[in-house]
Amino acid sequence: MNQGMLHGIEIVNYKEYYPAAFAWALEKDLTLLGN
């Protein structure tokens, strides 16, 4: 992230939701994705 090589995070993948990833995205200013 500090080197500009991590811009987003999946908070949802397939049929799973990750609350921790949602919190990280807000805390670390990452783009929210669900795929």
All heavy atoms as atom14 arrays in JSON, in Angstrom:
{
  "sequence": "MNQGMLHGIEIVNYKEYYPAAFAWALEKDLTLLGN",
  "atom14_mask": [
    [1, 1, 1, 1, 1, 1, 1, 1, 0, 0, 0, 0, 0, 0],
    [1, 1, 1, 1, 1, 1, 1, 1, 0, 0, 0, 0, 0, 0],
    [1, 1, 1, 1, 1, 1, 1, 1, 1, 0, 0, 0, 0, 0],
    [1, 1, 1, 1, 0, 0, 0, 0, 0, 0, 0, 0, 0, 0],
    [1, 1, 1, 1, 1, 1, 1, 1, 0, 0, 0, 0, 0, 0],
    [1, 1, 1, 1, 1, 1, 1, 1, 0, 0, 0, 0, 0, 0],
    [1, 1, 1, 1, 1, 1, 1, 1, 1, 1, 0, 0, 0, 0],
    [1, 1, 1, 1, 0, 0, 0, 0, 0, 0, 0, 0, 0, 0],
    [1, 1, 1, 1, 1, 1, 1, 1, 0, 0, 0, 0, 0, 0],
    [1, 1, 1, 1, 1, 1, 1, 1, 1, 0, 0, 0, 0, 0],
    [1, 1, 1, 1, 1, 1, 1, 1, 0, 0, 0, 0, 0, 0],
    [1, 1, 1, 1, 1, 1, 1, 0, 0, 0, 0, 0, 0, 0],
    [1, 1, 1, 1, 1, 1, 1, 1, 0, 0, 0, 0, 0, 0],
    [1, 1, 1, 1, 1, 1, 1, 1, 1, 1, 1, 1, 0, 0],
    [1, 1, 1, 1, 1, 1, 1, 1, 1, 0, 0, 0, 0, 0],
    [1, 1, 1, 1, 1, 1, 1, 1, 1, 0, 0, 0, 0, 0],
    [1, 1, 1, 1, 1, 1, 1, 1, 1, 1, 1, 1, 0, 0],
    [1, 1, 1, 1, 1, 1, 1, 1, 1, 1, 1, 1, 0, 0],
    [1, 1, 1, 1, 1, 1, 1, 0, 0, 0, 0, 0, 0, 0],
    [1, 1, 1, 1, 1, 0, 0, 0, 0, 0, 0, 0, 0, 0],
    [1, 1, 1, 1, 1, 0, 0, 0, 0, 0, 0, 0, 0, 0],
    [1, 1, 1, 1, 1, 1, 1, 1, 1, 1, 1, 0, 0, 0],
    [1, 1, 1, 1, 1, 0, 0, 0, 0, 0, 0, 0, 0, 0],
    [1, 1, 1, 1, 1, 1, 1, 1, 1, 1, 1, 1, 1, 1],
    [1, 1, 1, 1, 1, 0, 0, 0, 0, 0, 0, 0, 0, 0],
    [1, 1, 1, 1, 1, 1, 1, 1, 0, 0, 0, 0, 0, 0],
    [1, 1, 1, 1, 1, 1, 1, 1, 1, 0, 0, 0, 0, 0],
    [1, 1, 1, 1, 1, 1, 1, 1, 1, 0, 0, 0, 0, 0],
    [1, 1, 1, 1, 1, 1, 1, 1, 0, 0, 0, 0, 0, 0],
    [1, 1, 1, 1, 1, 1, 1, 1, 0, 0, 0, 0, 0, 0],
    [1, 1, 1, 1, 1, 1, 1, 0, 0, 0, 0, 0, 0, 0],
    [1, 1, 1, 1, 1, 1, 1, 1, 0, 0, 0, 0, 0, 0],
    [1, 1, 1, 1, 1, 1, 1, 1, 0, 0, 0, 0, 0, 0],
    [1, 1, 1, 1, 0, 0, 0, 0, 0, 0, 0, 0, 0, 0],
    [1, 1, 1, 1, 1, 1, 1, 1, 0, 0, 0, 0, 0, 0]
  ],
  "atom14_positions": [
    [[0.83, -1.21, 0.0], [0.0, 0.0, 0.0], [0.87, 1.25, 0.0], [0.61, 2.2, -0.75], [-0.91, -0.02, 1.22], [-2.0, 1.03, 1.23], [-3.13, 0.84, 2.63], [-2.0, 1.14, 4.0], [0.0, 0.0, 0.0], [0.0, 0.0, 0.0], [0.0, 0.0, 0.0], [0.0, 0.0, 0.0], [0.0, 0.0, 0.0], [0.0, 0.0, 0.0]],
    [[1.91, 1.27, 0.81], [2.78, 2.43, 0.9], [3.56, 2.69, -0.38], [3.96, 3.83, -0.65], [3.74, 2.29, 2.08], [3.04, 2.37, 3.43], [1.92, 2.88, 3.52], [3.68, 1.86, 4.47], [0.0, 0.0, 0.0], [0.0, 0.0, 0.0], [0.0, 0.0, 0.0], [0.0, 0.0, 0.0], [0.0, 0.0, 0.0], [0.0, 0.0, 0.0]],
    [[3.78, 1.63, -1.16], [4.5, 1.77, -2.42], [3.57, 2.0, -3.61], [4.01, 1.97, -4.76], [5.35, 0.52, -2.68], [6.46, 0.3, -1.66], [7.17, -1.03, -1.89], [7.91, -1.2, -2.87], [6.93, -1.98, -1.0], [0.0, 0.0, 0.0], [0.0, 0.0, 0.0], [0.0, 0.0, 0.0], [0.0, 0.0, 0.0], [0.0, 0.0, 0.0]],
    [[2.28, 2.2, -3.34], [1.34, 2.44, -4.43], [1.04, 1.2, -5.24], [0.75, 1.3, -6.44], [0.0, 0.0, 0.0], [0.0, 0.0, 0.0], [0.0, 0.0, 0.0], [0.0, 0.0, 0.0], [0.0, 0.0, 0.0], [0.0, 0.0, 0.0], [0.0, 0.0, 0.0], [0.0, 0.0, 0.0], [0.0, 0.0, 0.0], [0.0, 0.0, 0.0]],
    [[1.08, 0.02, -4.59], [0.83, -1.23, -5.3], [-0.31, -2.02, -4.69], [-0.47, -3.21, -4.94], [2.12, -2.08, -5.33], [3.22, -1.44, -6.16], [4.68, -2.51, -6.42], [5.41, -2.48, -4.79], [0.0, 0.0, 0.0], [0.0, 0.0, 0.0], [0.0, 0.0, 0.0], [0.0, 0.0, 0.0], [0.0, 0.0, 0.0], [0.0, 0.0, 0.0]],
    [[-1.13, -1.36, -3.88], [-2.37, -1.94, -3.35], [-3.37, -0.82, -3.2], [-3.21, 0.07, -2.38], [-2.12, -2.64, -2.01], [-3.34, -3.32, -1.38], [-3.88, -4.42, -2.29], [-3.0, -3.89, -0.01], [0.0, 0.0, 0.0], [0.0, 0.0, 0.0], [0.0, 0.0, 0.0], [0.0, 0.0, 0.0], [0.0, 0.0, 0.0], [0.0, 0.0, 0.0]],
    [[-4.43, -0.88, -4.03], [-5.38, 0.23, -4.1], [-6.78, -0.12, -3.6], [-7.57, 0.78, -3.31], [-5.5, 0.71, -5.56], [-4.17, 0.94, -6.22], [-3.67, 0.08, -7.16], [-3.25, 1.91, -6.04], [-2.48, 0.53, -7.57], [-2.2, 1.63, -6.9], [0.0, 0.0, 0.0], [0.0, 0.0, 0.0], [0.0, 0.0, 0.0], [0.0, 0.0, 0.0]],
    [[-7.08, -1.41, -3.53], [-8.43, -1.82, -3.14], [-8.42, -3.18, -2.48], [-7.38, -3.85, -2.39], [0.0, 0.0, 0.0], [0.0, 0.0, 0.0], [0.0, 0.0, 0.0], [0.0, 0.0, 0.0], [0.0, 0.0, 0.0], [0.0, 0.0, 0.0], [0.0, 0.0, 0.0], [0.0, 0.0, 0.0], [0.0, 0.0, 0.0], [0.0, 0.0, 0.0]],
    [[-9.6, -3.59, -2.02], [-9.74, -4.88, -1.34], [-11.14, -5.42, -1.57], [-12.12, -4.66, -1.58], [-9.44, -4.72, 0.17], [-9.38, -6.08, 0.87], [-10.44, -3.81, 0.84], [-8.8, -5.99, 2.29], [0.0, 0.0, 0.0], [0.0, 0.0, 0.0], [0.0, 0.0, 0.0], [0.0, 0.0, 0.0], [0.0, 0.0, 0.0], [0.0, 0.0, 0.0]],
    [[-11.25, -6.73, -1.78], [-12.56, -7.36, -1.89], [-13.16, -7.51, -0.49], [-12.6, -8.2, 0.36], [-12.45, -8.74, -2.54], [-12.28, -8.72, -4.03], [-12.31, -10.1, -4.66], [-12.04, -11.1, -3.95], [-12.56, -10.18, -5.88], [0.0, 0.0, 0.0], [0.0, 0.0, 0.0], [0.0, 0.0, 0.0], [0.0, 0.0, 0.0], [0.0, 0.0, 0.0]],
    [[-14.3, -6.87, -0.28], [-15.03, -7.1, 0.96], [-16.07, -8.2, 0.77], [-16.6, -8.73, 1.74], [-15.68, -5.82, 1.49], [-16.81, -5.33, 0.58], [-14.63, -4.72, 1.67], [-17.67, -4.26, 1.19], [0.0, 0.0, 0.0], [0.0, 0.0, 0.0], [0.0, 0.0, 0.0], [0.0, 0.0, 0.0], [0.0, 0.0, 0.0], [0.0, 0.0, 0.0]],
    [[-16.33, -8.53, -0.49], [-17.18, -9.66, -0.85], [-16.51, -10.43, -1.97], [-16.01, -9.83, -2.93], [-18.59, -9.2, -1.3], [-19.36, -10.36, -1.92], [-19.37, -8.59, -0.15], [0.0, 0.0, 0.0], [0.0, 0.0, 0.0], [0.0, 0.0, 0.0], [0.0, 0.0, 0.0], [0.0, 0.0, 0.0], [0.0, 0.0, 0.0], [0.0, 0.0, 0.0]],
    [[-16.48, -11.76, -1.83], [-15.96, -12.63, -2.88], [-16.87, -13.85, -2.97], [-17.11, -14.54, -1.97], [-14.53, -13.06, -2.56], [-13.97, -14.07, -3.55], [-14.23, -15.26, -3.47], [-13.21, -13.57, -4.52], [0.0, 0.0, 0.0], [0.0, 0.0, 0.0], [0.0, 0.0, 0.0], [0.0, 0.0, 0.0], [0.0, 0.0, 0.0], [0.0, 0.0, 0.0]],
    [[-17.39, -14.09, -4.16], [-18.29, -15.22, -4.42], [-19.51, -15.13, -3.5], [-20.38, -14.29, -3.71], [-17.54, -16.54, -4.29], [-18.32, -17.77, -4.67], [-19.08, -17.8, -5.84], [-18.31, -18.9, -3.86], [-19.81, -18.94, -6.19], [-19.02, -20.05, -4.21], [-19.77, -20.06, -5.36], [-20.48, -21.18, -5.71], [0.0, 0.0, 0.0], [0.0, 0.0, 0.0]],
    [[-19.59, -15.95, -2.47], [-20.74, -15.91, -1.56], [-20.33, -15.59, -0.13], [-21.03, -15.94, 0.82], [-21.49, -17.25, -1.62], [-22.1, -17.54, -3.0], [-22.92, -18.83, -3.02], [-23.5, -19.07, -4.41], [-24.34, -20.3, -4.47], [0.0, 0.0, 0.0], [0.0, 0.0, 0.0], [0.0, 0.0, 0.0], [0.0, 0.0, 0.0], [0.0, 0.0, 0.0]],
    [[-19.19, -14.9, 0.01], [-18.69, -14.56, 1.34], [-18.51, -13.06, 1.5], [-18.02, -12.39, 0.58], [-17.35, -15.26, 1.59], [-17.43, -16.77, 1.69], [-16.09, -17.37, 2.07], [-15.04, -16.87, 1.62], [-16.1, -18.38, 2.81], [0.0, 0.0, 0.0], [0.0, 0.0, 0.0], [0.0, 0.0, 0.0], [0.0, 0.0, 0.0], [0.0, 0.0, 0.0]],
    [[-18.89, -12.57, 2.67], [-18.7, -11.16, 3.03], [-17.69, -11.11, 4.18], [-17.78, -11.89, 5.13], [-20.04, -10.55, 3.46], [-19.94, -9.31, 4.32], [-19.26, -8.17, 3.88], [-20.53, -9.29, 5.59], [-19.18, -7.04, 4.68], [-20.45, -8.15, 6.39], [-19.78, -7.04, 5.94], [-19.7, -5.93, 6.73], [0.0, 0.0, 0.0], [0.0, 0.0, 0.0]],
    [[-16.73, -10.18, 4.09], [-15.67, -10.07, 5.08], [-15.78, -8.73, 5.82], [-15.28, -7.71, 5.33], [-14.29, -10.17, 4.41], [-14.12, -11.36, 3.5], [-13.89, -11.18, 2.13], [-14.2, -12.66, 3.98], [-13.72, -12.26, 1.29], [-14.04, -13.75, 3.14], [-13.8, -13.56, 1.79], [-13.64, -14.63, 0.95], [0.0, 0.0, 0.0], [0.0, 0.0, 0.0]],
    [[-16.42, -8.71, 7.0], [-16.54, -7.44, 7.74], [-15.18, -6.82, 8.06], [-15.05, -5.58, 8.03], [-17.28, -7.86, 9.02], [-17.98, -9.14, 8.67], [-17.12, -9.82, 7.67], [0.0, 0.0, 0.0], [0.0, 0.0, 0.0], [0.0, 0.0, 0.0], [0.0, 0.0, 0.0], [0.0, 0.0, 0.0], [0.0, 0.0, 0.0], [0.0, 0.0, 0.0]],
    [[-14.18, -7.65, 8.37], [-12.85, -7.11, 8.69], [-12.28, -6.35, 7.5], [-11.66, -5.29, 7.66], [-11.91, -8.23, 9.11], [0.0, 0.0, 0.0], [0.0, 0.0, 0.0], [0.0, 0.0, 0.0], [0.0, 0.0, 0.0], [0.0, 0.0, 0.0], [0.0, 0.0, 0.0], [0.0, 0.0, 0.0], [0.0, 0.0, 0.0], [0.0, 0.0, 0.0]],
    [[-12.49, -6.89, 6.29], [-11.98, -6.22, 5.1], [-12.71, -4.89, 4.86], [-12.1, -3.91, 4.41], [-12.13, -7.14, 3.88], [0.0, 0.0, 0.0], [0.0, 0.0, 0.0], [0.0, 0.0, 0.0], [0.0, 0.0, 0.0], [0.0, 0.0, 0.0], [0.0, 0.0, 0.0], [0.0, 0.0, 0.0], [0.0, 0.0, 0.0], [0.0, 0.0, 0.0]],
    [[-14.01, -4.86, 5.16], [-14.78, -3.62, 5.05], [-14.19, -2.56, 5.99], [-13.96, -1.4, 5.6], [-16.24, -3.91, 5.38], [-17.21, -2.79, 5.08], [-16.83, -1.65, 4.38], [-18.53, -2.88, 5.51], [-17.74, -0.63, 4.12], [-19.45, -1.88, 5.25], [-19.05, -0.75, 4.56], [0.0, 0.0, 0.0], [0.0, 0.0, 0.0], [0.0, 0.0, 0.0]],
    [[-13.9, -2.97, 7.22], [-13.32, -2.05, 8.2], [-11.94, -1.58, 7.74], [-11.6, -0.38, 7.86], [-13.24, -2.72, 9.57], [0.0, 0.0, 0.0], [0.0, 0.0, 0.0], [0.0, 0.0, 0.0], [0.0, 0.0, 0.0], [0.0, 0.0, 0.0], [0.0, 0.0, 0.0], [0.0, 0.0, 0.0], [0.0, 0.0, 0.0], [0.0, 0.0, 0.0]],
    [[-11.11, -2.49, 7.21], [-9.79, -2.11, 6.71], [-9.9, -1.09, 5.59], [-9.14, -0.12, 5.53], [-9.04, -3.32, 6.2], [-8.56, -4.27, 7.26], [-8.34, -3.99, 8.58], [-8.26, -5.65, 7.08], [-7.9, -5.11, 9.23], [-7.85, -6.14, 8.34], [-8.29, -6.52, 5.99], [-7.47, -7.47, 8.53], [-7.91, -7.84, 6.18], [-7.51, -8.3, 7.43]],
    [[-10.84, -1.32, 4.67], [-10.98, -0.42, 3.53], [-11.28, 1.0, 3.99], [-10.72, 1.97, 3.46], [-12.08, -0.93, 2.6], [0.0, 0.0, 0.0], [0.0, 0.0, 0.0], [0.0, 0.0, 0.0], [0.0, 0.0, 0.0], [0.0, 0.0, 0.0], [0.0, 0.0, 0.0], [0.0, 0.0, 0.0], [0.0, 0.0, 0.0], [0.0, 0.0, 0.0]],
    [[-12.16, 1.13, 4.99], [-12.49, 2.46, 5.51], [-11.3, 3.05, 6.27], [-10.99, 4.24, 6.12], [-13.71, 2.37, 6.41], [-15.01, 1.87, 5.75], [-16.11, 1.74, 6.8], [-15.45, 2.78, 4.62], [0.0, 0.0, 0.0], [0.0, 0.0, 0.0], [0.0, 0.0, 0.0], [0.0, 0.0, 0.0], [0.0, 0.0, 0.0], [0.0, 0.0, 0.0]],
    [[-10.65, 2.23, 7.05], [-9.53, 2.71, 7.87], [-8.32, 3.1, 7.03], [-7.67, 4.12, 7.29], [-9.13, 1.6, 8.85], [-7.87, 1.88, 9.66], [-7.36, 0.64, 10.37], [-8.14, -0.33, 10.53], [-6.18, 0.64, 10.77], [0.0, 0.0, 0.0], [0.0, 0.0, 0.0], [0.0, 0.0, 0.0], [0.0, 0.0, 0.0], [0.0, 0.0, 0.0]],
    [[-8.03, 2.32, 5.98], [-6.8, 2.51, 5.21], [-7.05, 3.22, 3.88], [-6.15, 3.35, 3.06], [-6.14, 1.15, 4.98], [-5.82, 0.42, 6.28], [-5.29, -0.99, 6.03], [-5.18, -1.79, 7.33], [-4.25, -1.17, 8.29], [0.0, 0.0, 0.0], [0.0, 0.0, 0.0], [0.0, 0.0, 0.0], [0.0, 0.0, 0.0], [0.0, 0.0, 0.0]],
    [[-8.3, 3.65, 3.67], [-8.68, 4.42, 2.48], [-8.45, 3.62, 1.19], [-7.82, 4.09, 0.24], [-7.91, 5.74, 2.42], [-8.61, 6.77, 1.54], [-9.84, 6.68, 1.41], [-7.93, 7.65, 1.01], [0.0, 0.0, 0.0], [0.0, 0.0, 0.0], [0.0, 0.0, 0.0], [0.0, 0.0, 0.0], [0.0, 0.0, 0.0], [0.0, 0.0, 0.0]],
    [[-8.98, 2.4, 1.18], [-8.9, 1.53, 0.01], [-10.26, 1.47, -0.7], [-11.3, 1.67, -0.09], [-8.48, 0.11, 0.42], [-7.09, -0.03, 1.02], [-6.91, -1.42, 1.62], [-6.0, 0.24, -0.03], [0.0, 0.0, 0.0], [0.0, 0.0, 0.0], [0.0, 0.0, 0.0], [0.0, 0.0, 0.0], [0.0, 0.0, 0.0], [0.0, 0.0, 0.0]],
    [[-10.22, 1.16, -1.98], [-11.45, 1.01, -2.76], [-12.17, -0.27, -2.38], [-11.55, -1.32, -2.23], [-11.12, 1.0, -4.26], [-10.44, 2.22, -4.6], [-12.38, 0.88, -5.1], [0.0, 0.0, 0.0], [0.0, 0.0, 0.0], [0.0, 0.0, 0.0], [0.0, 0.0, 0.0], [0.0, 0.0, 0.0], [0.0, 0.0, 0.0], [0.0, 0.0, 0.0]],
    [[-13.49, -0.17, -2.22], [-14.33, -1.32, -1.88], [-14.71, -2.08, -3.14], [-15.2, -1.48, -4.1], [-15.59, -0.86, -1.17], [-15.43, -0.06, 0.12], [-16.75, 0.63, 0.46], [-15.01, -0.96, 1.25], [0.0, 0.0, 0.0], [0.0, 0.0, 0.0], [0.0, 0.0, 0.0], [0.0, 0.0, 0.0], [0.0, 0.0, 0.0], [0.0, 0.0, 0.0]],
    [[-14.53, -3.41, -3.11], [-14.91, -4.23, -4.26], [-15.66, -5.48, -3.81], [-15.4, -6.03, -2.74], [-13.68, -4.65, -5.06], [-12.91, -3.48, -5.68], [-11.52, -3.4, -5.12], [-12.87, -3.58, -7.2], [0.0, 0.0, 0.0], [0.0, 0.0, 0.0], [0.0, 0.0, 0.0], [0.0, 0.0, 0.0], [0.0, 0.0, 0.0], [0.0, 0.0, 0.0]],
    [[-16.59, -5.92, -4.65], [-17.3, -7.17, -4.46], [-17.42, -7.86, -5.8], [-17.97, -7.28, -6.75], [0.0, 0.0, 0.0], [0.0, 0.0, 0.0], [0.0, 0.0, 0.0], [0.0, 0.0, 0.0], [0.0, 0.0, 0.0], [0.0, 0.0, 0.0], [0.0, 0.0, 0.0], [0.0, 0.0, 0.0], [0.0, 0.0, 0.0], [0.0, 0.0, 0.0]],
    [[-16.91, -9.09, -5.91], [-16.83, -9.77, -7.2], [-17.2, -11.24, -7.07], [-17.21, -11.8, -5.97], [-15.41, -9.65, -7.76], [-14.96, -8.22, -7.95], [-15.63, -7.45, -8.62], [-13.85, -7.85, -7.32], [0.0, 0.0, 0.0], [0.0, 0.0, 0.0], [0.0, 0.0, 0.0], [0.0, 0.0, 0.0], [0.0, 0.0, 0.0], [0.0, 0.0, 0.0]]
  ]
}
